[in-house]
C-alpha atoms as a PDB file:
ATOM      1  CA  MET A   1      70.232  82.093 -41.927  1.00  0.00           C
ATOM      2  CA  SER A   2      70.131  81.956 -45.738  1.00  0.00           C
ATOM      3  CA  PHE A   3      67.141  84.341 -45.626  1.00  0.00           C
ATOM      4  CA  ILE A   4      69.290  86.986 -43.901  1.00  0.00           C
ATOM      5  CA  LYS A   5      72.158  86.394 -46.318  1.00  0.00           C
ATOM      6  CA  ASP A   6      69.766  86.832 -49.255  1.00  0.00           C
ATOM      7  CA  ILE A   7      68.482  90.128 -47.852  1.00  0.00           C
ATOM      8  CA  VAL A   8      72.019  91.427 -47.268  1.00  0.00           C
ATOM      9  CA  LYS A   9      73.014  90.376 -50.774  1.00  0.00           C
ATOM     10  CA  TYR A  10      69.984  92.188 -52.230  1.00  0.00           C
ATOM     11  CA  TRP A  11      70.782  95.424 -50.387  1.00  0.00           C
ATOM     12  CA  LEU A  12      74.494  95.261 -51.263  1.00  0.00           C
ATOM     13  CA  GLU A  13      74.292  94.099 -54.869  1.00  0.00           C
ATOM     14  CA  GLU A  14      70.826  94.641 -56.304  1.00  0.00           C
ATOM     15  CA  TYR A  15      69.007  97.506 -54.606  1.00  0.00           C
ATOM     16  CA  ASP A  16      69.124 100.631 -56.769  1.00  0.00           C
ATOM     17  CA  TRP A  17      69.715 103.378 -54.200  1.00  0.00           C
ATOM     18  CA  GLU A  18      70.568 105.945 -56.913  1.00  0.00           C
ATOM     19  CA  SER A  19      67.120 105.455 -58.474  1.00  0.00           C
ATOM     20  CA  GLU A  20      65.437 105.926 -55.094  1.00  0.00           C
ATOM     21  CA  GLN A  21      67.574 108.973 -54.354  1.00  0.00           C
ATOM     22  CA  GLN A  22      66.568 110.483 -57.705  1.00  0.00           C
ATOM     23  CA  LYS A  23      62.867 109.962 -56.907  1.00  0.00           C
ATOM     24  CA  ILE A  24      63.342 111.823 -53.614  1.00  0.00           C
ATOM     25  CA  ASN A  25      65.330 114.605 -55.275  1.00  0.00           C
ATOM     26  CA  ASN A  26      62.602 115.056 -57.905  1.00  0.00           C
ATOM     27  CA  LEU A  27      60.098 116.095 -55.236  1.00  0.00           C
ATOM     28  CA  PRO A  28      59.758 119.892 -54.844  1.00  0.00           C
ATOM     29  CA  GLN A  29      61.259 120.353 -51.383  1.00  0.00           C
ATOM     30  CA  PHE A  30      61.568 123.456 -49.229  1.00  0.00           C
ATOM     31  CA  LYS A  31      62.434 124.577 -45.697  1.00  0.00           C
ATOM     32  CA  ALA A  32      60.697 127.198 -43.607  1.00  0.00           C
ATOM     33  CA  GLN A  33      61.890 128.610 -40.318  1.00  0.00           C
ATOM     34  CA  ILE A  34      59.037 128.829 -37.828  1.00  0.00           C
ATOM     35  CA  VAL A  35      59.333 130.240 -34.323  1.00  0.00           C
ATOM     36  CA  LEU A  36      57.149 128.566 -31.722  1.00  0.00           C
ATOM     37  CA  ASN A  37      56.650 130.445 -28.435  1.00  0.00           C
ATOM     38  CA  ASP A  38      59.031 129.136 -25.738  1.00  0.00           C
ATOM     39  CA  PHE A  39      60.532 126.423 -27.934  1.00  0.00           C
ATOM     40  CA  GLY A  40      62.341 128.783 -30.303  1.00  0.00           C
ATOM     41  CA  PRO A  41      62.982 128.436 -34.022  1.00  0.00           C
ATOM     42  CA  PHE A  42      62.402 125.259 -36.024  1.00  0.00           C
ATOM     43  CA  ASP A  43      63.554 124.509 -39.561  1.00  0.00           C
ATOM     44  CA  ILE A  44      60.622 122.624 -41.065  1.00  0.00           C
ATOM     45  CA  HIS A  45      61.277 120.666 -44.253  1.00  0.00           C
ATOM     46  CA  PHE A  46      58.338 120.001 -46.561  1.00  0.00           C
ATOM     47  CA  VAL A  47      57.271 118.912 -50.017  1.00  0.00           C
ATOM     48  CA  HIS A  48      54.869 121.293 -51.770  1.00  0.00           C
ATOM     49  CA  CYS A  49      53.137 120.121 -54.968  1.00  0.00           C
ATOM     50  CA  LEU A  50      50.522 122.280 -56.663  1.00  0.00           C
ATOM     51  CA  ALA A  51      47.312 121.054 -58.274  1.00  0.00           C
ATOM     52  CA  ARG A  52      47.672 120.437 -61.988  1.00  0.00           C
ATOM     53  CA  ASP A  53      44.412 122.208 -62.842  1.00  0.00           C
ATOM     54  CA  GLU A  54      44.027 125.628 -61.272  1.00  0.00           C
ATOM     55  CA  ALA A  55      40.676 126.266 -63.030  1.00  0.00           C
ATOM     56  CA  HIS A  56      38.813 125.285 -59.865  1.00  0.00           C
ATOM     57  CA  LYS A  57      39.925 126.460 -56.468  1.00  0.00           C
ATOM     58  CA  PRO A  58      42.520 123.856 -55.354  1.00  0.00           C
ATOM     59  CA  ILE A  59      42.154 122.267 -51.937  1.00  0.00           C
ATOM     60  CA  PRO A  60      45.285 122.423 -49.764  1.00  0.00           C
ATOM     61  CA  LEU A  61      46.014 119.027 -48.193  1.00  0.00           C
ATOM     62  CA  LEU A  62      48.489 118.736 -45.325  1.00  0.00           C
ATOM     63  CA  PHE A  63      49.747 115.131 -45.293  1.00  0.00           C
ATOM     64  CA  MET A  64      51.569 114.104 -42.108  1.00  0.00           C
ATOM     65  CA  HIS A  65      53.516 110.878 -41.801  1.00  0.00           C
ATOM     66  CA  GLY A  66      53.743 108.584 -38.808  1.00  0.00           C
ATOM     67  CA  TRP A  67      56.611 106.889 -37.055  1.00  0.00           C
ATOM     68  CA  PRO A  68      58.969 105.538 -38.303  1.00  0.00           C
ATOM     69  CA  GLY A  69      57.832 107.166 -41.534  1.00  0.00           C
ATOM     70  CA  ASN A  70      58.823 110.253 -43.427  1.00  0.00           C
ATOM     71  CA  PHE A  71      57.670 112.687 -46.092  1.00  0.00           C
ATOM     72  CA  THR A  72      58.281 110.182 -48.915  1.00  0.00           C
ATOM     73  CA  GLU A  73      55.172 108.250 -47.837  1.00  0.00           C
ATOM     74  CA  VAL A  74      53.134 110.700 -49.910  1.00  0.00           C
ATOM     75  CA  SER A  75      55.186 110.263 -53.106  1.00  0.00           C
ATOM     76  CA  LYS A  76      52.992 107.562 -54.684  1.00  0.00           C
ATOM     77  CA  ILE A  77      49.782 109.568 -54.259  1.00  0.00           C
ATOM     78  CA  ILE A  78      51.010 113.039 -55.228  1.00  0.00           C
ATOM     79  CA  GLY A  79      50.095 112.505 -58.892  1.00  0.00           C
ATOM     80  CA  PRO A  80      46.497 111.402 -58.274  1.00  0.00           C
ATOM     81  CA  LEU A  81      45.977 114.093 -55.623  1.00  0.00           C
ATOM     82  CA  THR A  82      47.318 116.978 -57.715  1.00  0.00           C
ATOM     83  CA  THR A  83      45.305 115.703 -60.699  1.00  0.00           C
ATOM     84  CA  ALA A  84      42.191 115.671 -58.490  1.00  0.00           C
ATOM     85  CA  GLY A  85      42.713 119.331 -57.552  1.00  0.00           C
ATOM     86  CA  TYR A  86      44.744 119.235 -54.350  1.00  0.00           C
ATOM     87  CA  HIS A  87      47.802 121.239 -53.384  1.00  0.00           C
ATOM     88  CA  VAL A  88      49.829 118.674 -51.410  1.00  0.00           C
ATOM     89  CA  ILE A  89      52.023 119.739 -48.507  1.00  0.00           C
ATOM     90  CA  ALA A  90      53.988 116.905 -46.864  1.00  0.00           C
ATOM     91  CA  PRO A  91      56.302 118.031 -44.072  1.00  0.00           C
ATOM     92  CA  SER A  92      58.979 116.152 -42.216  1.00  0.00           C
ATOM     93  CA  LEU A  93      57.516 116.350 -38.723  1.00  0.00           C
ATOM     94  CA  PRO A  94      59.655 118.072 -36.066  1.00  0.00           C
ATOM     95  CA  GLY A  95      62.598 115.819 -35.244  1.00  0.00           C
ATOM     96  CA  PHE A  96      62.089 113.605 -38.319  1.00  0.00           C
ATOM     97  CA  GLY A  97      64.042 113.613 -41.567  1.00  0.00           C
ATOM     98  CA  PHE A  98      65.182 117.103 -42.469  1.00  0.00           C
ATOM     99  CA  SER A  99      63.183 119.026 -39.834  1.00  0.00           C
ATOM    100  CA  SER A 100      64.787 120.229 -36.637  1.00  0.00           C
ATOM    101  CA  TYR A 101      63.603 119.599 -33.101  1.00  0.00           C
ATOM    102  CA  THR A 102      63.731 121.575 -29.883  1.00  0.00           C
ATOM    103  CA  GLU A 103      66.216 120.970 -27.110  1.00  0.00           C
ATOM    104  CA  LYS A 104      63.717 122.196 -24.508  1.00  0.00           C
ATOM    105  CA  ASP A 105      61.611 119.812 -22.441  1.00  0.00           C
ATOM    106  CA  GLY A 106      57.841 119.711 -22.632  1.00  0.00           C
ATOM    107  CA  PHE A 107      57.280 119.695 -26.413  1.00  0.00           C
ATOM    108  CA  LYS A 108      53.986 117.848 -27.130  1.00  0.00           C
ATOM    109  CA  ASN A 109      52.019 116.837 -30.209  1.00  0.00           C
ATOM    110  CA  TRP A 110      49.823 119.935 -29.923  1.00  0.00           C
ATOM    111  CA  ASP A 111      53.025 121.993 -30.224  1.00  0.00           C
ATOM    112  CA  SER A 112      53.688 120.133 -33.477  1.00  0.00           C
ATOM    113  CA  ALA A 113      50.105 121.021 -34.439  1.00  0.00           C
ATOM    114  CA  ARG A 114      50.854 124.694 -33.875  1.00  0.00           C
ATOM    115  CA  LEU A 115      53.997 124.420 -36.026  1.00  0.00           C
ATOM    116  CA  MET A 116      52.096 122.717 -38.843  1.00  0.00           C
ATOM    117  CA  HIS A 117      49.351 125.335 -38.726  1.00  0.00           C
ATOM    118  CA  GLN A 118      51.940 128.112 -38.881  1.00  0.00           C
ATOM    119  CA  LEU A 119      53.510 126.363 -41.887  1.00  0.00           C
ATOM    120  CA  MET A 120      50.141 126.300 -43.667  1.00  0.00           C
ATOM    121  CA  GLU A 121      49.483 129.960 -42.828  1.00  0.00           C
ATOM    122  CA  GLY A 122      52.956 130.864 -44.049  1.00  0.00           C
ATOM    123  CA  LEU A 123      52.167 129.178 -47.364  1.00  0.00           C
ATOM    124  CA  GLY A 124      49.029 131.306 -47.630  1.00  0.00           C
ATOM    125  CA  TYR A 125      46.474 128.643 -46.754  1.00  0.00           C
ATOM    126  CA  GLU A 126      43.766 129.926 -44.436  1.00  0.00           C
ATOM    127  CA  GLU A 127      41.584 126.820 -44.855  1.00  0.00           C
ATOM    128  CA  TYR A 128      42.842 123.328 -45.582  1.00  0.00           C
ATOM    129  CA  VAL A 129      42.308 119.624 -45.017  1.00  0.00           C
ATOM    130  CA  VAL A 130      44.579 117.357 -42.984  1.00  0.00           C
ATOM    131  CA  ALA A 131      45.547 113.714 -43.325  1.00  0.00           C
ATOM    132  CA  GLY A 132      47.701 111.860 -40.841  1.00  0.00           C
ATOM    133  CA  GLY A 133      48.698 108.394 -39.807  1.00  0.00           C
ATOM    134  CA  ASP A 134      50.076 107.198 -36.501  1.00  0.00           C
ATOM    135  CA  TRP A 135      51.965 110.155 -34.975  1.00  0.00           C
ATOM    136  CA  GLY A 136      50.622 112.342 -37.787  1.00  0.00           C
ATOM    137  CA  ALA A 137      47.084 111.333 -36.765  1.00  0.00           C
ATOM    138  CA  MET A 138      47.673 112.594 -33.236  1.00  0.00           C
ATOM    139  CA  ILE A 139      48.999 115.896 -34.571  1.00  0.00           C
ATOM    140  CA  ALA A 140      46.092 116.178 -37.030  1.00  0.00           C
ATOM    141  CA  THR A 141      43.624 115.594 -34.184  1.00  0.00           C
ATOM    142  CA  SER A 142      45.278 118.345 -32.151  1.00  0.00           C
ATOM    143  CA  MET A 143      45.093 120.649 -35.172  1.00  0.00           C
ATOM    144  CA  ALA A 144      41.357 120.011 -35.554  1.00  0.00           C
ATOM    145  CA  ARG A 145      40.863 120.859 -31.884  1.00  0.00           C
ATOM    146  CA  LEU A 146      43.043 123.964 -31.957  1.00  0.00           C
ATOM    147  CA  TYR A 147      41.974 125.314 -35.361  1.00  0.00           C
ATOM    148  CA  PRO A 148      38.418 124.149 -36.121  1.00  0.00           C
ATOM    149  CA  GLU A 149      37.795 127.270 -38.227  1.00  0.00           C
ATOM    150  CA  ASN A 150      40.751 126.398 -40.488  1.00  0.00           C
ATOM    151  CA  ILE A 151      40.534 122.609 -40.745  1.00  0.00           C
ATOM    152  CA  LYS A 152      37.777 121.737 -43.214  1.00  0.00           C
ATOM    153  CA  ALA A 153      38.195 117.952 -43.121  1.00  0.00           C
ATOM    154  CA  ILE A 154      40.402 115.407 -41.422  1.00  0.00           C
ATOM    155  CA  HIS A 155      41.440 111.894 -42.480  1.00  0.00           C
ATOM    156  CA  LEU A 156      43.157 109.653 -39.923  1.00  0.00           C
ATOM    157  CA  THR A 157      44.793 106.241 -40.198  1.00  0.00           C
ATOM    158  CA  ASN A 158      46.409 104.088 -37.508  1.00  0.00           C
ATOM    159  CA  VAL A 159      44.611 106.098 -34.878  1.00  0.00           C
ATOM    160  CA  GLY A 160      45.836 105.584 -31.339  1.00  0.00           C
ATOM    161  CA  THR A 161      45.473 107.313 -28.039  1.00  0.00           C
ATOM    162  CA  THR A 162      48.010 108.708 -25.661  1.00  0.00           C
ATOM    163  CA  ARG A 163      47.907 109.997 -22.132  1.00  0.00           C
ATOM    164  CA  ASN A 164      49.545 113.192 -23.397  1.00  0.00           C
ATOM    165  CA  GLN A 165      46.636 113.954 -25.736  1.00  0.00           C
ATOM    166  CA  PRO A 166      44.388 116.602 -24.195  1.00  0.00           C
ATOM    167  CA  ALA A 167      40.760 115.537 -23.988  1.00  0.00           C
ATOM    168  CA  PHE A 168      39.368 119.039 -24.442  1.00  0.00           C
ATOM    169  CA  LEU A 169      40.520 122.298 -25.945  1.00  0.00           C
ATOM    170  CA  SER A 170      40.493 123.851 -22.441  1.00  0.00           C
ATOM    171  CA  ASP A 171      43.234 121.356 -21.446  1.00  0.00           C
ATOM    172  CA  LEU A 172      45.651 123.102 -23.842  1.00  0.00           C
ATOM    173  CA  LYS A 173      45.697 126.322 -21.833  1.00  0.00           C
END
């Protein structure tokens, strides 16, 4: 029981929420409205950090969090990635954080993939790489299947399977 009391005491008296809030607020954050076929409009929140050296053609990297994660998962690697020549785009997935969700039934991870691809196109990225963990990995996999001409590389962590994941591109029709 003292362990729980110590944790509560830490969160009430020692944790510096204002410092954490400032770190979040320092990230360049935006919202884009994207309309997806029968599901209507979505407000998609995202972080967008540009490469520090534009001398070489930067590589756009779409970083998608898992559950119960959020866009801040990318915050510790933004510096190294932008230094290495990546434009980093880290959205709040539909229904997470500051992104809206649909009220209509039948929304699947490949619908999230379509939203994320539309976000990247809207930002002017025709070709890009994708990284995702957990739920983000399922969406990234759907993106690679739907948009093989646009996705140049994919990095997955915490990969799982789901019965709702189509086995072949033809299953999406």
